[in-house]
Amino acid sequence: PRFLPPSPNLTRFGLSLFGSGLSGLGKVAGSQTLLSISGLNANGARSKARIGTQTGGDCLVGFAGRGSLEVKNHAELECVNTLKVGVGAGSTGSVLVIGQTGDPTPLLKAKKLCIGATAACGTTTGATGDFDMRDDAVVQIAGDVIVGRAGRLSADGVLTATTVIIEDGGVIELGLTPLTLASQMRSARDAFLAQPGTLTLNGNLSLSASAVITIDVTSATDFDKLIVTGNSALNGKLVLNFSNGYAPKQGDSFRFLSSPNTSGAFANVEIAGLAPGFQFAVTTSGGTTQLVANNNGGATTQREQLRVLLPLVRR
């Protein structure tokens, strides 16, 4: 493991590694700690960390302060027991998993994953948790993924779990900007604008009454997609975010969710990035949930411009 950045928090407050678990990324209120696991060694082997034992020891990210965990550049992390992101009141936990296109190796494994405040995991009201998967990241959870209040799952890649449960106040967002040359060439502000992505969920999906799922749409063919191999129970709010100056035409359809067995329906649908008056229908049929435009929409966003900075040549 590589610890970044150098900080007094690392020795005074932040990180405590035990044979039985990882206790306290952001262990004390006011502390900030980042653990980064990254890269290959000189022989081309992956950097690996295994935390916990069969008899106990959870991975806690954001215990009382602010804790961050990164897994990237072919590294692997296994939490033998539960990974909790955001634990105590006032804490903030964040996990970032960056994949490599074409690499099917799970970068992060855990017995169970809890994000934000949820009674199912014993995390406290007032805890905030973010779990981000980028660039086709592969994550493998043996049991459930539970996104509680003030929890957010942002995903682009492959997530294997028994059931992804979005509880009241939890959010699932699809599609993040790939860390490609094109995105790096943008300005710092534009580099992290949401871009369409695809999450394949090998498992079931369950949305509670006040859960939120966000879908980004940037053109008639570029929009977020959620592929669920198991059952999907729909509820809560669906947010469709139209951006990049795009507005749909009458008859355009966006098949954003596929699942062999879908029950329920979204209680509310919110449209962002279009002028008032846009009419639509959200339907589920034949294993596909889609939005169909019933009239032409009017864009309220601007098309993104790619900025290229050329070196200054002096004569």
Protein backbone atom coordinates (compact mmCIF):
# COMPACT_ATOMS: atom_id res chain seq x y z
CA PRO A 1 0.00 0.00 0.00
CA ARG A 2 1.09 3.56 -0.68
CA PHE A 3 -0.12 6.32 1.63
CA LEU A 4 -0.92 9.71 0.12
CA PRO A 5 -0.58 12.56 0.81
CA PRO A 6 2.06 12.88 3.57
CA SER A 7 0.23 14.36 6.51
CA PRO A 8 0.42 14.49 10.31
CA ASN A 9 -3.06 12.93 10.19
CA LEU A 10 -1.49 9.65 9.09
CA THR A 11 0.39 9.25 12.33
CA ARG A 12 -1.67 11.24 14.76
CA PHE A 13 -5.25 10.56 13.74
CA GLY A 14 -5.72 8.81 10.50
CA LEU A 15 -4.87 5.25 9.57
CA SER A 16 -4.86 2.21 11.82
CA LEU A 17 -4.05 -1.12 10.20
CA PHE A 18 -4.68 -4.24 12.25
CA GLY A 19 -4.34 -7.89 11.41
CA SER A 20 -8.09 -8.19 11.88
CA GLY A 21 -9.22 -5.18 9.88
CA LEU A 22 -8.85 -1.60 8.67
CA SER A 23 -10.06 0.73 11.39
CA GLY A 24 -10.24 4.42 10.85
CA LEU A 25 -9.52 6.05 7.52
CA GLY A 26 -10.46 9.41 9.03
CA LYS A 27 -10.56 7.85 12.50
CA VAL A 28 -10.98 11.05 14.56
CA ALA A 29 -13.35 13.95 13.87
CA GLY A 30 -11.51 16.60 11.84
CA SER A 31 -8.92 14.18 10.44
CA GLN A 32 -8.39 13.50 6.73
CA THR A 33 -6.70 10.34 5.48
CA LEU A 34 -6.18 8.81 2.04
CA LEU A 35 -5.06 5.25 1.38
CA SER A 36 -4.05 4.62 -2.25
CA ILE A 37 -3.30 1.13 -3.57
CA SER A 38 -1.83 1.42 -7.03
CA GLY A 39 0.27 -0.14 -9.73
CA LEU A 40 2.45 -3.12 -10.59
CA ASN A 41 5.77 -4.07 -9.06
CA ALA A 42 9.06 -4.42 -10.93
CA ASN A 43 8.15 -7.98 -11.92
CA GLY A 44 4.78 -6.96 -13.34
CA ALA A 45 2.80 -8.41 -10.41
CA ARG A 46 -0.18 -6.50 -9.07
CA SER A 47 -0.07 -4.54 -5.84
CA LYS A 48 -2.42 -6.37 -3.48
CA ALA A 49 -3.87 -5.81 -0.03
CA ARG A 50 -6.02 -8.23 1.98
CA ILE A 51 -7.69 -6.83 5.08
CA GLY A 52 -9.53 -8.77 7.77
CA THR A 53 -9.81 -12.41 8.79
CA GLN A 54 -12.58 -15.00 8.81
CA THR A 55 -13.18 -14.22 12.49
CA GLY A 56 -13.72 -10.49 12.05
CA GLY A 57 -12.42 -7.09 11.04
CA ASP A 58 -14.28 -4.70 8.72
CA CYS A 59 -12.89 -2.07 6.36
CA LEU A 60 -14.06 1.32 7.63
CA VAL A 61 -13.64 4.36 5.38
CA GLY A 62 -14.71 7.59 7.07
CA PHE A 63 -15.03 6.53 10.72
CA ALA A 64 -15.47 9.92 12.41
CA GLY A 65 -13.55 12.28 10.08
CA ARG A 66 -12.93 12.18 6.33
CA GLY A 67 -11.49 8.99 4.88
CA SER A 68 -10.68 8.18 1.27
CA LEU A 69 -9.65 4.92 -0.40
CA GLU A 70 -8.34 4.54 -3.97
CA VAL A 71 -7.71 1.32 -5.91
CA LYS A 72 -6.22 1.86 -9.38
CA ASN A 73 -3.59 0.92 -11.97
CA HIS A 74 -4.23 -2.85 -11.80
CA ALA A 75 -3.99 -3.02 -7.98
CA GLU A 76 -6.31 -5.28 -5.98
CA LEU A 77 -7.96 -4.90 -2.58
CA GLU A 78 -9.89 -7.59 -0.72
CA CYS A 79 -11.97 -6.77 2.35
CA VAL A 80 -12.62 -10.19 3.86
CA ASN A 81 -15.67 -8.85 5.69
CA THR A 82 -17.81 -5.71 5.24
CA LEU A 83 -16.60 -2.53 3.55
CA LYS A 84 -18.36 0.44 5.16
CA VAL A 85 -18.11 3.83 3.44
CA GLY A 86 -19.22 6.55 5.88
CA VAL A 87 -19.64 5.17 9.41
CA GLY A 88 -20.13 7.68 12.22
CA ALA A 89 -22.21 10.84 12.51
CA GLY A 90 -20.51 13.69 10.68
CA SER A 91 -18.10 11.37 8.88
CA THR A 92 -17.43 11.32 5.15
CA GLY A 93 -16.15 8.25 3.35
CA SER A 94 -15.22 7.95 -0.31
CA VAL A 95 -13.97 5.04 -2.40
CA LEU A 96 -12.66 5.37 -5.97
CA VAL A 97 -12.00 2.29 -8.11
CA ILE A 98 -10.42 3.01 -11.51
CA GLY A 99 -10.38 0.11 -13.94
CA GLN A 100 -8.46 -0.69 -17.08
CA THR A 101 -10.43 -1.31 -20.27
CA GLY A 102 -10.26 -4.97 -21.22
CA ASP A 103 -9.08 -6.14 -17.79
CA PRO A 104 -11.77 -8.41 -16.22
CA THR A 105 -9.91 -8.88 -12.92
CA PRO A 106 -11.92 -7.65 -9.89
CA LEU A 107 -10.03 -4.71 -8.40
CA LEU A 108 -12.04 -4.69 -5.20
CA LYS A 109 -13.67 -7.58 -3.37
CA ALA A 110 -15.71 -7.57 -0.17
CA LYS A 111 -18.19 -9.73 1.68
CA LYS A 112 -20.68 -6.84 1.83
CA LEU A 113 -20.68 -3.17 0.85
CA CYS A 114 -22.45 -0.41 2.80
CA ILE A 115 -22.52 3.18 1.55
CA GLY A 116 -23.88 6.01 3.69
CA ALA A 117 -26.18 5.70 6.71
CA THR A 118 -28.08 2.42 6.89
CA ALA A 119 -29.44 0.49 9.86
CA ALA A 120 -28.70 -2.73 8.02
CA CYS A 121 -24.98 -2.09 8.52
CA GLY A 122 -25.05 -0.17 11.79
CA THR A 123 -23.78 3.04 10.21
CA THR A 124 -25.01 6.25 11.83
CA THR A 125 -27.41 8.89 10.59
CA GLY A 126 -25.29 11.83 9.48
CA ALA A 127 -22.66 9.67 7.78
CA THR A 128 -21.98 10.41 4.11
CA GLY A 129 -20.60 7.87 1.67
CA ASP A 130 -19.54 7.90 -2.00
CA PHE A 131 -18.48 4.85 -3.99
CA ASP A 132 -17.23 5.59 -7.52
CA MET A 133 -16.40 3.06 -10.24
CA ARG A 134 -14.67 4.50 -13.33
CA ASP A 135 -13.22 3.31 -16.61
CA ASP A 136 -14.84 -0.15 -16.75
CA ALA A 137 -13.95 -0.95 -13.14
CA VAL A 138 -14.75 -4.47 -11.93
CA VAL A 139 -16.01 -4.89 -8.35
CA GLN A 140 -17.09 -8.17 -6.75
CA ILE A 141 -19.27 -8.26 -3.61
CA ALA A 142 -20.24 -11.67 -2.21
CA GLY A 143 -23.42 -10.39 -0.53
CA ASP A 144 -25.51 -7.23 -0.86
CA VAL A 145 -24.61 -3.66 -1.73
CA ILE A 146 -26.68 -1.30 0.44
CA VAL A 147 -26.79 2.41 -0.40
CA GLY A 148 -28.30 4.23 2.55
CA ARG A 149 -29.27 7.81 3.26
CA ALA A 150 -26.61 10.28 2.04
CA GLY A 151 -25.01 7.40 0.15
CA ARG A 152 -24.13 7.54 -3.55
CA LEU A 153 -23.09 4.79 -5.94
CA SER A 154 -21.60 6.14 -9.19
CA ALA A 155 -20.78 3.34 -11.54
CA ASP A 156 -19.31 2.58 -14.93
CA GLY A 157 -18.15 -1.03 -15.27
CA VAL A 158 -19.16 -4.42 -13.87
CA LEU A 159 -20.55 -4.89 -10.35
CA THR A 160 -21.31 -8.36 -9.03
CA ALA A 161 -23.51 -8.62 -5.92
CA THR A 162 -26.49 -10.56 -4.62
CA THR A 163 -28.71 -7.45 -4.61
CA VAL A 164 -27.99 -3.74 -4.94
CA ILE A 165 -30.43 -2.08 -2.54
CA ILE A 166 -30.95 1.67 -2.85
CA GLU A 167 -32.64 2.70 0.39
CA ASP A 168 -34.56 5.91 1.12
CA GLY A 169 -32.24 8.85 0.51
CA GLY A 170 -29.74 6.77 -1.48
CA VAL A 171 -28.62 7.61 -5.02
CA ILE A 172 -27.30 5.56 -7.94
CA GLU A 173 -25.69 7.47 -10.82
CA LEU A 174 -24.44 5.94 -14.04
CA GLY A 175 -21.67 7.09 -16.30
CA LEU A 176 -18.52 8.96 -15.35
CA THR A 177 -16.01 10.73 -17.53
CA PRO A 178 -13.46 8.14 -18.73
CA LEU A 179 -9.88 9.14 -17.91
CA THR A 180 -8.91 9.25 -21.57
CA LEU A 181 -6.69 11.61 -23.55
CA ALA A 182 -9.75 13.45 -24.80
CA SER A 183 -10.98 14.16 -21.27
CA GLN A 184 -7.51 15.16 -20.12
CA MET A 185 -7.32 17.71 -22.94
CA ARG A 186 -10.33 19.55 -21.57
CA SER A 187 -10.12 22.28 -19.01
CA ALA A 188 -10.01 21.25 -15.35
CA ARG A 189 -13.66 22.20 -15.04
CA ASP A 190 -14.87 20.21 -18.04
CA ALA A 191 -12.71 17.16 -17.40
CA PHE A 192 -15.11 15.75 -14.84
CA LEU A 193 -18.45 16.48 -16.47
CA ALA A 194 -20.63 13.37 -16.46
CA GLN A 195 -20.51 11.33 -19.65
CA PRO A 196 -22.68 8.33 -20.55
CA GLY A 197 -21.51 4.96 -19.33
CA THR A 198 -22.75 1.42 -18.81
CA LEU A 199 -23.08 -0.51 -15.57
CA THR A 200 -23.55 -4.25 -15.78
CA LEU A 201 -25.02 -5.51 -12.52
CA ASN A 202 -24.59 -9.24 -12.08
CA GLY A 203 -27.35 -9.58 -9.51
CA ASN A 204 -30.66 -7.99 -8.52
CA LEU A 205 -31.72 -4.35 -8.14
CA SER A 206 -34.12 -2.99 -5.53
CA LEU A 207 -35.15 0.69 -5.36
CA SER A 208 -36.97 2.09 -2.32
CA ALA A 209 -39.73 4.69 -2.31
CA SER A 210 -37.36 7.68 -2.11
CA ALA A 211 -34.34 6.21 -3.91
CA VAL A 212 -32.94 8.21 -6.85
CA ILE A 213 -31.46 6.87 -10.09
CA THR A 214 -29.86 9.34 -12.51
CA ILE A 215 -29.43 8.76 -16.25
CA ASP A 216 -27.32 11.12 -18.42
CA VAL A 217 -28.30 11.68 -22.06
CA THR A 218 -25.97 13.58 -24.41
CA SER A 219 -27.37 12.51 -27.81
CA ALA A 220 -29.91 10.18 -29.41
CA THR A 221 -27.41 7.32 -29.17
CA ASP A 222 -25.22 8.32 -26.21
CA PHE A 223 -26.90 7.77 -22.85
CA ASP A 224 -26.36 5.79 -19.66
CA LYS A 225 -27.36 2.14 -19.62
CA LEU A 226 -28.00 -0.20 -16.71
CA ILE A 227 -27.91 -3.92 -17.50
CA VAL A 228 -29.28 -6.08 -14.68
CA THR A 229 -28.86 -9.83 -15.07
CA GLY A 230 -31.31 -10.61 -12.23
CA ASN A 231 -34.60 -9.10 -11.05
CA SER A 232 -35.33 -5.36 -10.89
CA ALA A 233 -37.84 -3.84 -8.45
CA LEU A 234 -38.48 -0.23 -9.49
CA ASN A 235 -39.62 2.63 -7.27
CA GLY A 236 -38.47 6.11 -6.24
CA LYS A 237 -37.36 8.89 -8.57
CA LEU A 238 -35.88 8.62 -12.06
CA VAL A 239 -33.85 11.69 -13.14
CA LEU A 240 -33.01 12.04 -16.82
CA ASN A 241 -30.31 14.65 -17.31
CA PHE A 242 -30.14 15.94 -20.90
CA SER A 243 -26.88 17.79 -21.56
CA ASN A 244 -24.34 18.79 -24.20
CA GLY A 245 -26.94 20.97 -25.94
CA TYR A 246 -28.99 17.94 -26.90
CA ALA A 247 -32.79 17.86 -27.08
CA PRO A 248 -34.78 14.79 -28.22
CA LYS A 249 -37.14 14.75 -31.17
CA GLN A 250 -40.62 13.29 -31.17
CA GLY A 251 -40.39 9.51 -31.36
CA ASP A 252 -36.83 9.26 -29.97
CA SER A 253 -36.47 6.43 -27.47
CA PHE A 254 -33.85 5.75 -24.81
CA ARG A 255 -33.62 2.14 -23.61
CA PHE A 256 -31.71 2.78 -20.40
CA LEU A 257 -32.56 -0.32 -18.33
CA SER A 258 -32.64 -3.98 -19.26
CA SER A 259 -33.60 -6.80 -16.88
CA PRO A 260 -35.19 -10.20 -17.51
CA ASN A 261 -37.79 -9.61 -14.78
CA THR A 262 -38.89 -6.07 -13.87
CA SER A 263 -41.59 -5.21 -11.34
CA GLY A 264 -42.97 -1.92 -10.05
CA ALA A 265 -42.52 1.51 -11.63
CA PHE A 266 -40.84 4.83 -10.90
CA ALA A 267 -43.01 6.95 -8.61
CA ASN A 268 -41.61 10.20 -10.06
CA VAL A 269 -39.72 11.18 -13.21
CA GLU A 270 -37.70 14.40 -13.30
CA ILE A 271 -36.36 15.90 -16.53
CA ALA A 272 -33.31 18.18 -16.39
CA GLY A 273 -31.70 20.13 -19.24
CA LEU A 274 -34.89 20.64 -21.26
CA ALA A 275 -37.35 23.54 -21.40
CA PRO A 276 -40.78 23.11 -19.77
CA GLY A 277 -43.38 21.46 -21.98
CA PHE A 278 -41.48 18.32 -22.91
CA GLN A 279 -43.84 15.34 -22.95
CA PHE A 280 -42.74 11.74 -22.61
CA ALA A 281 -43.67 8.25 -21.49
CA VAL A 282 -41.64 5.75 -19.46
CA THR A 283 -42.61 2.16 -20.18
CA THR A 284 -41.38 -1.36 -19.44
CA SER A 285 -41.89 -4.18 -21.92
CA GLY A 286 -40.00 -7.29 -22.97
CA GLY A 287 -37.29 -6.80 -20.35
CA THR A 288 -36.56 -3.21 -21.37
CA THR A 289 -37.43 0.05 -19.62
CA GLN A 290 -37.30 3.10 -21.87
CA LEU A 291 -38.28 6.72 -22.21
CA VAL A 292 -40.07 7.77 -25.43
CA ALA A 293 -40.34 11.43 -26.46
CA ASN A 294 -43.94 12.40 -27.32
CA ASN A 295 -42.93 15.80 -28.70
CA ASN A 296 -39.80 17.78 -29.55
CA GLY A 297 -37.78 18.97 -26.58
CA GLY A 298 -35.97 22.29 -26.20
CA ALA A 299 -32.39 22.22 -24.92
CA THR A 300 -31.40 24.49 -22.05
CA THR A 301 -27.74 23.41 -22.05
CA GLN A 302 -24.84 24.27 -24.35
CA ARG A 303 -22.82 21.89 -26.46
CA GLU A 304 -19.45 21.17 -24.86
CA GLN A 305 -16.46 22.52 -26.73
CA LEU A 306 -13.19 20.58 -26.77
CA ARG A 307 -10.36 22.87 -25.77
CA VAL A 308 -6.92 22.12 -27.15
CA LEU A 309 -3.98 24.02 -25.69
CA LEU A 310 -1.04 24.31 -28.09
CA PRO A 311 2.49 25.19 -26.94
CA LEU A 312 3.66 28.74 -27.47
CA VAL A 313 6.52 28.88 -29.93
CA ARG A 314 8.91 31.79 -29.63
CA ARG A 315 11.07 32.91 -32.53
